[in-house]
Each structure stands twice: as structure tokens, then as C-alpha cells.
Amino acid sequence: MLRLFANLSIILAFNFFLIVSNAAPSFGQECPDPATATTASAQQKPASKRYDRALPSYRDKSGRYDLALVGDSLVELWQPWIKDSFPTRHAMNLAVVGDTTQNALYRLDGLNLPDFHPKDVVVLIGTNNLSSKTAPCAVAAGVVAAVEKVRALWPSAHIYSLSIPPRGKRYASYDDVRISANRLVASSLAGFPDVTFVQMNDDMLRCGKPSDKECSNYKPDRLHFNEGAYDLIRSFLAAAGLQL
């Protein structure tokens, strides 16, 4: 009987180990030291000329806008096609080229738009945090912090947080970091009210599996988007429930 009990204890312990080791990733598992998640702190950076020119107008006419876009160059360079992407909306593009999650937090901290109450906010941030030396949890912590800041600014808005898209060589640079970070963001935001994580289709964006072939959705730098990519992002957002 004692031998049976001992064997049963070993089996239960082994099964528990399997369950824990196969659990979904979390900030705690990938970043045992919370101090390594440095991308959750604000960091100053000058804005772009477009942003500086647009902000006073946004402030003066904030009541007419019902949609906010927050992010980096992938969002700021969307500007020429904003009206086509959101034909029934008045979108305020608050993105800045080159921004990291830290920079976005700094910008949101200093945003002075007291009369702006958007119905929806689209967030696309994090690509500038990707590197071989950055843990996925650090990138994810920054994205989640940006979403939390948006929620604090506009508590009645529905937030659509887009996944970090493919980039770089073979459209797969830092994919180990990027894919893990996206999974962490998705799991972290799952319990947030009025927040929708939008996992974009990587293969549709990069015209198939990772490859050296040029993809018309991207500019030659394989980072920034052409109009085709924005059309796809528009469709991803529509499928997630955003009114266009």
C-alpha cells in the first residue's frame, strides 16, 4: 500500500509539472524580475512635424472627432489613406514616427485634449521595441501599459489593440520576440472590459510565409506599409467590430 501511494504521488507530481510547464506564457514566467520590463515606463522624445502641426487643430476642433489612432510610424504614415480607411469616421492621428511604447506613454501623458471623447481608439505600437536583446514580456508590458493609459484618458472608448506585424529580413526579423509578445498581450488584455485584441494575419500582410520575395504590401525597407497593407488592417478591424 505504501509503495502504491508513493508511486501515485510521483505520477501526480509529474502531471503537475507538465501542466505548469505547458501553461500559457505570462509576464512572470518570461520575466522573473519585474525590473526587466522597462518598456512600461514613459520616455521623452520630440514629436514629428506633422504631429506638432496637427495637434493645435485637433485641440480646437476635438469635438468633431470620434476615433483616435495611437502608435508609431506604422500609424502616422497611414495618414494619406485615413479617410478611405474610415469613411464614416473623423479620425485623430496621434501617432509619431519612431515612437517606442515608452515614447507613446510620454506623449499620452502630455496630451491635453480635455474636450476629446472618442468612441473608439486603435492602438498599434511595439515594433520599435523589438530587438534580439529585448524580452517578449518587456515589449508586451509596454503595449499593455499604452492600452491602460488610453483607457485612463478615455474611459468610455472601446480600444482595439492591433498585434505587432511582421518586419525585416524575410519579413521575419525578431519573430521569436514578436510572436511571443503578441501572445502575452492577447492573454493580458483578455480580461479588460471594452478592449479587443486584434491578431492580424501575418501571412496576409507579408504576402505568404517568410520569404526573400518582395511583398507589395510593404515598402522596400520591409518595415513600413503601402496602401495594400492598410486595406488589410482596415479589414481586420472591421472583422473585430470597429465601425468604419
Protein backbone atom coordinates (compact mmCIF):
# COMPACT_ATOMS: atom_id res chain seq x y z
CA MET A 1 0.00 0.00 0.00
CA LEU A 2 2.84 2.40 0.88
CA ARG A 3 4.58 1.59 -2.41
CA LEU A 4 1.33 2.23 -4.32
CA PHE A 5 0.86 5.55 -2.54
CA ALA A 6 4.45 6.55 -3.29
CA ASN A 7 4.05 5.70 -6.99
CA LEU A 8 0.77 7.61 -7.14
CA SER A 9 2.43 10.65 -5.55
CA ILE A 10 5.21 10.55 -8.14
CA ILE A 11 2.66 10.37 -11.00
CA LEU A 12 0.64 13.28 -9.61
CA ALA A 13 3.75 15.37 -9.12
CA PHE A 14 4.90 14.61 -12.69
CA ASN A 15 1.50 15.55 -14.13
CA PHE A 16 1.51 18.79 -12.15
CA PHE A 17 4.93 19.62 -13.58
CA LEU A 18 3.62 19.01 -17.11
CA ILE A 19 0.59 21.25 -16.54
CA VAL A 20 2.72 24.10 -15.19
CA SER A 21 5.39 23.81 -17.88
CA ASN A 22 2.82 23.75 -20.68
CA ALA A 23 0.76 26.66 -19.37
CA ALA A 24 0.34 29.80 -21.44
CA PRO A 25 3.25 32.24 -21.13
CA SER A 26 2.94 35.10 -18.67
CA PHE A 27 4.95 38.15 -17.62
CA GLY A 28 6.04 36.23 -14.53
CA GLN A 29 7.29 33.21 -16.44
CA GLU A 30 9.27 35.15 -19.06
CA CYS A 31 10.38 38.00 -16.80
CA PRO A 32 11.03 36.62 -13.32
CA ASP A 33 12.50 40.03 -12.43
CA PRO A 34 9.79 42.70 -12.98
CA ALA A 35 12.53 45.32 -13.31
CA THR A 36 13.42 43.90 -16.73
CA ALA A 37 10.07 45.07 -18.11
CA THR A 38 11.48 48.56 -18.62
CA THR A 39 9.26 49.30 -21.63
CA ALA A 40 6.39 50.09 -19.27
CA SER A 41 7.87 53.46 -18.28
CA ALA A 42 7.44 56.76 -20.14
CA GLN A 43 10.35 58.28 -22.05
CA GLN A 44 10.60 61.72 -23.63
CA LYS A 45 11.09 62.11 -27.39
CA PRO A 46 10.37 65.03 -29.76
CA ALA A 47 7.24 64.71 -31.88
CA SER A 48 7.11 64.77 -35.68
CA LYS A 49 6.37 67.95 -37.63
CA ARG A 50 3.00 66.55 -38.75
CA TYR A 51 2.02 65.83 -35.17
CA ASP A 52 3.09 69.27 -33.96
CA ARG A 53 1.15 70.94 -36.77
CA ALA A 54 -1.97 68.80 -36.31
CA LEU A 55 -2.26 68.91 -32.52
CA PRO A 56 -3.48 72.54 -32.19
CA SER A 57 -6.17 71.88 -34.79
CA TYR A 58 -7.14 68.64 -33.06
CA ARG A 59 -7.42 70.56 -29.81
CA ASP A 60 -9.53 73.38 -31.29
CA LYS A 61 -11.89 71.02 -33.11
CA SER A 62 -11.71 67.99 -30.84
CA GLY A 63 -15.49 67.75 -30.58
CA ARG A 64 -15.83 66.70 -34.20
CA TYR A 65 -13.53 63.66 -33.86
CA ASP A 66 -14.85 60.26 -32.78
CA LEU A 67 -11.86 57.99 -33.44
CA ALA A 68 -8.25 58.12 -32.20
CA LEU A 69 -5.23 56.34 -33.66
CA VAL A 70 -2.26 55.81 -31.33
CA GLY A 71 1.09 54.35 -32.33
CA ASP A 72 4.32 54.77 -34.25
CA SER A 73 5.28 55.27 -37.91
CA LEU A 74 3.03 52.38 -38.98
CA VAL A 75 0.11 54.55 -37.87
CA GLU A 76 1.41 58.04 -38.63
CA LEU A 77 2.19 57.05 -42.23
CA TRP A 78 -1.38 55.81 -42.56
CA GLN A 79 -2.43 59.46 -42.84
CA PRO A 80 -2.82 59.66 -46.67
CA TRP A 81 -5.38 56.84 -46.59
CA ILE A 82 -7.16 57.60 -43.30
CA LYS A 83 -10.31 58.97 -44.94
CA ASP A 84 -10.54 55.97 -47.26
CA SER A 85 -9.98 53.54 -44.39
CA PHE A 86 -12.57 55.16 -42.12
CA PRO A 87 -15.09 56.84 -44.46
CA THR A 88 -17.79 57.36 -41.83
CA ARG A 89 -15.47 58.43 -39.03
CA HIS A 90 -13.44 61.50 -38.09
CA ALA A 91 -10.06 60.11 -37.08
CA MET A 92 -7.46 61.90 -34.99
CA ASN A 93 -3.99 60.53 -35.82
CA LEU A 94 -1.96 60.82 -32.61
CA ALA A 95 0.90 58.58 -33.78
CA VAL A 96 4.52 59.65 -34.18
CA VAL A 97 7.24 58.15 -36.38
CA GLY A 98 9.87 56.28 -34.41
CA ASP A 99 7.92 56.04 -31.18
CA THR A 100 8.51 53.12 -28.85
CA THR A 101 5.96 52.13 -26.23
CA GLN A 102 7.85 54.37 -23.78
CA ASN A 103 7.58 57.33 -26.16
CA ALA A 104 3.88 56.70 -26.70
CA LEU A 105 3.34 56.72 -22.93
CA TYR A 106 5.20 60.03 -22.65
CA ARG A 107 3.10 61.51 -25.46
CA LEU A 108 -0.17 60.32 -23.95
CA ASP A 109 0.89 61.65 -20.54
CA GLY A 110 1.30 65.12 -22.03
CA LEU A 111 -1.78 65.05 -24.23
CA ASN A 112 -4.05 67.99 -23.50
CA LEU A 113 -7.39 67.24 -25.20
CA PRO A 114 -9.98 67.80 -22.47
CA ASP A 115 -12.91 68.02 -24.92
CA PHE A 116 -11.98 64.92 -26.90
CA HIS A 117 -14.13 61.89 -26.12
CA PRO A 118 -13.57 59.27 -28.83
CA LYS A 119 -15.96 56.39 -29.28
CA ASP A 120 -13.11 54.11 -30.38
CA VAL A 121 -9.31 54.07 -30.17
CA VAL A 122 -6.98 51.98 -32.35
CA VAL A 123 -3.54 51.20 -30.88
CA LEU A 124 -0.63 49.86 -32.92
CA ILE A 125 2.67 50.12 -31.06
CA GLY A 126 5.68 47.95 -30.21
CA THR A 127 7.59 47.34 -33.43
CA ASN A 128 10.31 49.80 -32.39
CA ASN A 129 10.81 47.85 -29.15
CA LEU A 130 11.71 44.63 -30.95
CA SER A 131 15.33 43.50 -30.71
CA SER A 132 17.31 40.36 -30.04
CA LYS A 133 18.14 41.73 -26.57
CA THR A 134 14.57 42.60 -25.55
CA ALA A 135 12.46 40.00 -23.74
CA PRO A 136 8.96 39.42 -25.14
CA CYS A 137 7.47 40.30 -21.75
CA ALA A 138 9.15 43.71 -21.82
CA VAL A 139 7.63 44.50 -25.20
CA ALA A 140 4.25 43.19 -24.07
CA ALA A 141 4.39 45.17 -20.81
CA GLY A 142 4.87 48.35 -22.80
CA VAL A 143 1.97 47.63 -25.15
CA VAL A 144 -0.34 46.80 -22.24
CA ALA A 145 0.79 49.96 -20.42
CA ALA A 146 -0.11 52.01 -23.51
CA VAL A 147 -3.57 50.43 -23.62
CA GLU A 148 -4.03 51.12 -19.91
CA LYS A 149 -3.02 54.76 -20.46
CA VAL A 150 -5.55 55.05 -23.31
CA ARG A 151 -8.20 53.59 -21.02
CA ALA A 152 -7.35 56.12 -18.32
CA LEU A 153 -7.59 59.00 -20.80
CA TRP A 154 -10.81 57.88 -22.47
CA PRO A 155 -12.69 55.52 -20.14
CA SER A 156 -15.79 55.30 -22.34
CA ALA A 157 -13.94 54.37 -25.54
CA HIS A 158 -13.66 50.89 -26.99
CA ILE A 159 -10.00 50.07 -27.62
CA TYR A 160 -8.73 47.94 -30.48
CA SER A 161 -5.15 46.83 -29.86
CA LEU A 162 -3.51 45.53 -33.05
CA SER A 163 -0.81 42.86 -32.96
CA ILE A 164 2.75 43.83 -33.84
CA PRO A 165 3.14 42.96 -37.55
CA PRO A 166 5.98 41.13 -39.34
CA ARG A 167 9.01 43.12 -40.43
CA GLY A 168 12.61 42.99 -41.65
CA LYS A 169 14.61 40.28 -43.40
CA ARG A 170 12.31 37.66 -44.91
CA TYR A 171 9.56 39.59 -43.10
CA ALA A 172 10.52 37.57 -40.03
CA SER A 173 13.04 39.65 -38.07
CA TYR A 174 12.74 39.15 -34.30
CA ASP A 175 9.80 36.80 -34.90
CA ASP A 176 10.58 34.83 -31.73
CA VAL A 177 10.22 38.02 -29.68
CA ARG A 178 7.34 39.45 -31.71
CA ILE A 179 5.12 36.37 -31.73
CA SER A 180 5.63 35.70 -28.01
CA ALA A 181 4.96 39.34 -27.19
CA ASN A 182 1.73 39.30 -29.18
CA ARG A 183 0.57 36.20 -27.32
CA LEU A 184 1.34 37.84 -23.99
CA VAL A 185 -0.54 41.00 -24.94
CA ALA A 186 -3.53 38.95 -26.10
CA SER A 187 -3.69 36.99 -22.84
CA SER A 188 -3.14 40.10 -20.71
CA LEU A 189 -5.88 42.11 -22.43
CA ALA A 190 -8.38 39.25 -22.45
CA GLY A 191 -9.88 40.36 -19.14
CA PHE A 192 -10.00 44.07 -19.93
CA PRO A 193 -13.52 45.44 -20.46
CA ASP A 194 -14.16 47.15 -23.81
CA VAL A 195 -10.74 46.15 -25.16
CA THR A 196 -10.38 43.96 -28.24
CA PHE A 197 -7.02 42.46 -29.17
CA VAL A 198 -6.85 42.15 -32.96
CA GLN A 199 -4.43 39.45 -34.09
CA MET A 200 -3.61 40.42 -37.65
CA ASN A 201 -2.93 37.71 -40.20
CA ASP A 202 0.86 37.76 -40.62
CA ASP A 203 0.87 35.75 -43.84
CA MET A 204 -1.68 38.04 -45.48
CA LEU A 205 0.37 41.10 -44.55
CA ARG A 206 3.69 39.70 -45.83
CA CYS A 207 2.16 38.03 -48.92
CA GLY A 208 2.72 34.47 -47.66
CA LYS A 209 5.19 32.66 -45.46
CA PRO A 210 8.56 34.25 -44.56
CA SER A 211 10.39 34.77 -47.83
CA ASP A 212 13.02 36.87 -49.62
CA LYS A 213 10.42 37.80 -52.25
CA GLU A 214 9.24 41.39 -52.26
CA CYS A 215 5.74 41.94 -50.91
CA SER A 216 3.69 44.79 -52.39
CA ASN A 217 2.12 45.50 -49.00
CA TYR A 218 5.47 46.75 -47.72
CA LYS A 219 7.83 49.49 -48.72
CA PRO A 220 11.39 48.41 -49.72
CA ASP A 221 12.55 48.76 -46.09
CA ARG A 222 10.24 45.83 -45.21
CA LEU A 223 9.06 47.73 -42.17
CA HIS A 224 6.64 50.37 -43.37
CA PHE A 225 3.39 49.73 -45.20
CA ASN A 226 1.99 50.52 -48.61
CA GLU A 227 -1.71 51.10 -49.20
CA GLY A 228 -2.42 47.36 -49.58
CA ALA A 229 -1.38 46.67 -46.01
CA TYR A 230 -3.64 49.42 -44.69
CA ASP A 231 -6.53 47.93 -46.64
CA LEU A 232 -5.87 44.63 -44.88
CA ILE A 233 -5.63 46.26 -41.45
CA ARG A 234 -8.90 48.01 -42.17
CA SER A 235 -10.49 44.62 -42.88
CA PHE A 236 -9.03 43.12 -39.68
CA LEU A 237 -10.51 45.96 -37.66
CA ALA A 238 -13.89 45.66 -39.36
CA ALA A 239 -13.97 41.93 -38.62
CA ALA A 240 -13.21 42.74 -34.97
CA GLY A 241 -16.25 45.01 -34.81
CA LEU A 242 -14.91 48.51 -35.45
CA GLN A 243 -17.32 50.74 -37.33
CA LEU A 244 -15.52 52.17 -40.33
